[in-house]
Protein backbone atom coordinates (compact mmCIF):
# COMPACT_ATOMS: atom_id res chain seq x y z
CA MET A 1 -20.54 36.05 -2.71
CA THR A 2 -17.91 34.69 -5.04
CA SER A 3 -15.64 33.65 -2.19
CA SER A 4 -18.55 31.91 -0.43
CA SER A 5 -19.43 30.06 -3.64
CA SER A 6 -15.79 29.08 -4.15
CA ALA A 7 -15.54 27.82 -0.57
CA THR A 8 -18.69 25.72 -1.01
CA GLU A 9 -17.35 24.25 -4.25
CA GLY A 10 -14.06 23.47 -2.52
CA MET A 11 -15.83 21.67 0.32
CA ASN A 12 -17.96 19.68 -2.13
CA ARG A 13 -14.86 18.72 -4.10
CA ARG A 14 -13.04 17.56 -0.95
CA THR A 15 -16.09 15.55 0.14
CA SER A 16 -16.30 13.97 -3.31
CA ASP A 17 -12.57 13.16 -3.27
CA LYS A 18 -12.95 11.45 0.11
CA ARG A 19 -15.87 9.39 -1.22
CA ILE A 20 -13.84 8.36 -4.26
CA ILE A 21 -10.87 7.32 -2.10
CA LEU A 22 -13.10 5.37 0.27
CA ALA A 23 -14.91 3.73 -2.66
CA PHE A 24 -11.57 2.67 -4.15
CA ALA A 25 -10.60 1.29 -0.73
CA ALA A 26 -13.86 -0.66 -0.63
CA ILE A 27 -13.19 -2.09 -4.10
CA VAL A 28 -9.72 -3.19 -3.00
CA GLY A 29 -11.26 -4.71 0.11
CA LEU A 30 -13.79 -6.66 -1.95
CA ILE A 31 -10.94 -7.96 -4.11
CA ILE A 32 -9.20 -9.14 -0.93
CA VAL A 33 -12.41 -10.85 0.18
CA GLY A 34 -12.62 -12.54 -3.21
CA LEU A 35 -9.04 -13.74 -2.94
CA THR A 36 -9.76 -15.30 0.45
CA ALA A 37 -12.39 -17.47 -1.25
CA PHE A 38 -10.05 -18.32 -4.13
CA ASP A 39 -8.82 -21.45 -2.37
CA GLN A 40 -12.39 -22.78 -2.29
CA ILE A 41 -12.76 -22.19 -6.02
CA VAL A 42 -9.45 -23.95 -6.66
CA ALA A 43 -10.61 -26.87 -4.50
CA SER A 44 -13.84 -27.10 -6.52
CA VAL A 45 -11.94 -27.15 -9.81
CA ALA A 46 -9.51 -29.74 -8.39
CA VAL A 47 -12.44 -32.04 -7.61
CA TYR A 48 -13.64 -31.86 -11.21
CA VAL A 49 -10.25 -32.49 -12.78
CA GLY A 50 -9.53 -35.40 -10.46
CA LEU A 51 -6.87 -33.70 -8.33
CA GLY A 52 -9.01 -33.43 -5.21
CA SER A 53 -11.26 -35.69 -3.16
CA LEU A 54 -14.83 -34.54 -2.57
CA THR A 55 -15.18 -37.19 0.15
CA LYS A 56 -12.27 -35.66 2.06
CA ILE A 57 -13.70 -32.17 1.66
CA THR A 58 -17.17 -33.14 2.89
CA GLY A 59 -15.60 -34.73 5.95
CA ALA A 60 -14.52 -31.32 7.23
CA PRO A 61 -16.95 -29.28 9.37
CA LEU A 62 -18.47 -25.97 8.29
CA PRO A 63 -16.78 -22.79 9.58
CA ARG A 64 -18.16 -21.66 12.93
CA ASN A 65 -17.64 -18.74 15.31
CA LEU A 66 -15.42 -16.79 12.89
CA TRP A 67 -17.27 -13.60 13.76
CA LEU A 68 -14.35 -11.25 13.12
CA ILE A 69 -14.15 -12.50 9.52
CA ALA A 70 -17.92 -12.16 9.18
CA LEU A 71 -17.81 -8.61 10.56
CA PHE A 72 -14.92 -7.67 8.27
CA ASN A 73 -16.86 -8.85 5.22
CA ILE A 74 -20.03 -7.06 6.33
CA LEU A 75 -18.18 -3.78 6.92
CA LEU A 76 -16.53 -3.92 3.49
CA VAL A 77 -19.81 -4.64 1.73
CA THR A 78 -21.60 -1.86 3.62
CA LEU A 79 -18.83 0.62 2.84
CA PHE A 80 -18.86 -0.31 -0.83
CA VAL A 81 -22.65 -0.10 -1.17
CA PHE A 82 -23.15 3.28 0.47
CA LEU A 83 -20.19 4.86 -1.33
CA THR A 84 -21.33 3.65 -4.74
CA PRO A 85 -22.20 6.75 -6.80
CA VAL A 86 -25.73 6.89 -8.19
CA ARG A 87 -27.51 8.85 -10.91
CA THR A 88 -30.29 10.24 -8.70
CA LYS A 89 -30.28 11.20 -5.04
CA ASP A 90 -32.82 8.55 -3.99
CA SER A 91 -31.15 5.62 -5.75
CA TRP A 92 -29.44 4.33 -2.58
CA LYS A 93 -32.65 3.50 -0.66
CA SER A 94 -32.88 -0.15 -1.82
CA HIS A 95 -29.31 -0.82 -0.70
CA GLY A 96 -30.45 -1.44 2.89
CA THR A 97 -31.98 -4.77 1.84
CA TYR A 98 -28.77 -5.62 -0.01
CA VAL A 99 -26.78 -5.06 3.19
CA ALA A 100 -29.30 -7.17 5.17
CA PHE A 101 -28.83 -9.96 2.61
CA MET A 102 -25.06 -9.86 3.06
CA VAL A 103 -25.30 -9.68 6.87
CA SER A 104 -27.43 -12.84 6.84
CA LEU A 105 -25.13 -14.57 4.35
CA PHE A 106 -21.82 -13.87 6.09
CA SER A 107 -23.31 -14.59 9.52
CA GLU A 108 -24.18 -18.10 8.36
CA MET A 109 -21.06 -18.56 6.25
CA TYR A 110 -18.58 -17.69 9.02
CA GLY A 111 -20.50 -17.33 12.28
CA PHE A 112 -23.23 -19.91 12.79
CA PRO A 113 -24.76 -22.05 9.99
CA LEU A 114 -28.36 -21.51 11.06
CA THR A 115 -29.92 -23.12 7.98
CA VAL A 116 -27.83 -26.27 8.29
CA TYR A 117 -28.56 -26.42 12.03
CA PHE A 118 -32.29 -25.98 11.43
CA LEU A 119 -32.45 -28.74 8.82
CA SER A 120 -30.28 -31.02 10.97
CA SER A 121 -32.67 -30.53 13.90
CA MET A 122 -35.43 -31.92 11.68
CA GLY A 123 -33.52 -35.19 11.32
CA TYR A 124 -31.58 -34.51 8.10
CA ALA A 125 -27.82 -35.19 8.08
CA ILE A 126 -27.41 -32.11 5.92
CA GLU A 127 -23.92 -30.80 6.72
CA PRO A 128 -21.84 -33.21 4.56
CA GLN A 129 -24.27 -32.81 1.66
CA PHE A 130 -24.22 -29.03 2.01
CA ILE A 131 -20.41 -28.91 1.92
CA GLY A 132 -20.43 -31.27 -1.06
CA TYR A 133 -22.87 -28.97 -2.89
CA VAL A 134 -20.75 -25.88 -2.19
CA PHE A 135 -17.61 -27.42 -3.64
CA ALA A 136 -19.15 -29.54 -6.40
CA TYR A 137 -21.61 -26.99 -7.79
CA GLY A 138 -21.98 -23.78 -5.78
CA GLN A 139 -18.52 -22.32 -6.29
CA LEU A 140 -18.31 -23.24 -9.97
CA ILE A 141 -21.71 -21.73 -10.83
CA GLY A 142 -22.00 -18.90 -8.32
CA SER A 143 -18.48 -17.44 -8.43
CA PRO A 144 -18.65 -16.45 -12.15
CA LEU A 145 -21.95 -14.67 -11.43
CA VAL A 146 -20.32 -12.72 -8.59
CA ILE A 147 -17.37 -11.77 -10.82
CA ILE A 148 -19.66 -10.59 -13.65
CA GLY A 149 -21.69 -8.58 -11.13
CA LEU A 150 -18.58 -6.87 -9.74
CA ILE A 151 -17.43 -6.00 -13.27
CA LEU A 152 -20.82 -4.41 -14.00
CA LEU A 153 -20.66 -2.46 -10.73
CA TYR A 154 -17.20 -1.15 -11.57
CA LYS A 155 -18.10 -0.23 -15.14
CA GLY A 156 -21.23 1.60 -14.00
CA TRP A 157 -19.32 3.23 -11.14
CA LYS A 158 -16.59 4.69 -13.33
CA GLU A 159 -19.12 6.29 -15.69
CA ILE A 160 -20.81 8.39 -12.99
CA VAL A 161 -18.26 8.77 -10.20
CA PHE A 162 -17.18 12.26 -11.26
CA LYS A 163 -20.67 13.53 -12.09
CA ARG A 164 -22.85 15.59 -9.75
CA GLY A 165 -26.57 15.43 -8.99
CA THR A 166 -29.14 13.89 -11.32
CA VAL A 167 -27.37 12.97 -14.54
CA LEU A 168 -28.22 11.14 -17.74
CA VAL A 169 -25.39 8.75 -18.57
CA THR A 170 -25.56 7.01 -21.93
CA GLU A 171 -21.92 6.06 -22.51
CA GLY A 172 -19.87 2.94 -21.77
CA ILE A 173 -21.74 0.10 -20.10
CA TYR A 174 -24.88 2.26 -20.15
CA THR A 175 -25.13 1.60 -23.88
CA VAL A 176 -25.75 -2.08 -23.06
CA VAL A 177 -28.29 -1.78 -20.20
CA ARG A 178 -29.89 1.21 -18.47
CA HIS A 179 -29.13 -0.02 -14.93
CA PRO A 180 -25.80 -1.87 -14.90
CA GLN A 181 -25.16 -1.21 -11.21
CA TYR A 182 -28.51 -2.61 -10.09
CA LEU A 183 -27.97 -5.61 -12.36
CA GLY A 184 -24.50 -5.97 -10.83
CA PHE A 185 -25.89 -5.97 -7.28
CA LEU A 186 -28.46 -8.60 -8.26
CA LEU A 187 -25.86 -10.84 -9.91
CA VAL A 188 -23.49 -10.55 -6.93
CA THR A 189 -26.23 -11.55 -4.49
CA LEU A 190 -27.54 -14.30 -6.78
CA GLY A 191 -24.02 -15.68 -7.14
CA GLN A 192 -23.46 -15.58 -3.40
CA PHE A 193 -26.78 -17.33 -2.87
CA VAL A 194 -25.84 -20.06 -5.36
CA VAL A 195 -22.50 -20.54 -3.61
CA TRP A 196 -23.96 -20.63 -0.10
CA PRO A 197 -27.77 -21.02 -0.11
CA THR A 198 -29.63 -20.29 3.12
CA ILE A 199 -33.28 -20.00 4.08
CA PRO A 200 -33.12 -16.24 4.90
CA THR A 201 -31.32 -15.35 1.66
CA ALA A 202 -33.76 -17.52 -0.34
CA ILE A 203 -36.53 -15.31 1.04
CA MET A 204 -34.64 -12.03 0.63
CA TRP A 205 -33.30 -12.39 -2.91
CA PRO A 206 -36.70 -12.20 -4.68
CA LEU A 207 -37.56 -9.24 -2.44
CA LEU A 208 -34.26 -7.62 -3.38
CA ALA A 209 -34.99 -8.10 -7.10
CA VAL A 210 -38.41 -6.45 -6.71
CA LEU A 211 -36.96 -3.53 -4.73
CA TYR A 212 -34.24 -2.82 -7.29
CA TYR A 213 -36.77 -3.05 -10.12
CA ARG A 214 -39.08 -0.57 -8.37
CA GLN A 215 -36.13 1.69 -7.56
CA ALA A 216 -35.07 1.60 -11.22
CA LYS A 217 -38.61 2.59 -12.28
CA ARG A 218 -38.63 5.50 -9.81
CA GLU A 219 -35.21 6.59 -11.03
CA GLU A 220 -36.40 6.50 -14.63
CA ALA A 221 -39.42 8.65 -13.76
CA VAL A 222 -37.04 11.28 -12.37
CA LEU A 223 -34.80 11.07 -15.44
CA LEU A 224 -37.79 11.34 -17.78
CA ALA A 225 -39.05 14.43 -15.96
CA GLU A 226 -35.56 15.94 -16.01
CA PHE A 227 -34.42 15.09 -19.54
CA GLY A 228 -37.65 14.36 -21.40
CA VAL A 229 -37.19 13.32 -25.01
CA ARG A 230 -33.46 12.63 -24.55
CA PHE A 231 -34.11 9.98 -21.91
CA GLN A 232 -37.07 8.50 -23.79
CA ALA A 233 -34.97 8.06 -26.93
CA TYR A 234 -32.24 6.41 -24.85
CA ALA A 235 -34.73 4.10 -23.09
CA ASP A 236 -36.32 3.07 -26.38
CA LYS A 237 -33.06 1.68 -27.72
CA THR A 238 -31.44 0.39 -24.49
CA PRO A 239 -32.88 -2.50 -22.43
CA MET A 240 -33.48 -2.05 -18.72
CA PHE A 241 -31.61 -5.03 -17.25
CA LEU A 242 -31.15 -7.83 -19.77
CA PRO A 243 -28.81 -6.95 -22.67
CA ARG A 244 -29.95 -7.73 -26.16
CA ILE A 245 -28.12 -10.56 -27.86
CA HIS A 246 -27.70 -9.90 -31.54
CA LEU A 247 -27.31 -13.09 -33.52
CA ARG A 248 -25.91 -12.91 -36.99
CA ARG A 249 -28.36 -14.19 -39.52
CA ARG A 250 -27.16 -15.95 -42.57
CA PRO A 251 -28.32 -14.31 -45.75
CA LYS A 252 -31.12 -16.18 -47.45
CA PRO A 253 -29.96 -17.95 -50.60
CA THR A 254 -31.22 -16.28 -53.70
CA SER A 255 -33.23 -18.40 -56.03
CA PRO A 256 -31.67 -18.96 -59.44
């Protein structure tokens, strides 16, 4: 009985180690993906500081038929999402919509710009304006959101990666918000949408926000049933998604 239990624990540990290694590989892959877009961010900054020409940039066509790059990005995102550790066993169910969002995004970003094609077919010369938006506004506003989202994902990931089953985590980033990983996923997708807006992702992002909110509520019901007063006390003092901003108040002058 003891040997069987030890063997099971050993198998679980090896499985967990493989997941951790693969998750680290996915994080490295996402960093590589981010670095490939770094030149676009630099080009956007160059336009604002007068070192680049927006007219020259908008004269270039959008990327097309780069399906291998699109597939590479989709595979990395899928690997990262489904290897992200969660606090309850059902927490991964909303990730399918996240993957669908990224499939749509990267398909248009590198494969075929369906949104631009659709608007152009209606008589709008949209491609130069779209490229101008991406470099003048999209990258500068959206990229910081993506970076903040990835930081939240990492900070939430490292707090629960070595824990098993349904756990109540109240340390680290979980002292700021109760669902840093879900907030991270939402910020990453929102940032990507700001960088490269499309019709499908405009429809999917609000749906994604609702799904993650509902998933967070289901997760909290499980945690409340499991941990009772401990979780309720934690929830009472920690916001769900939006961190509290504490502003220092100047002391009121005392009357003479």
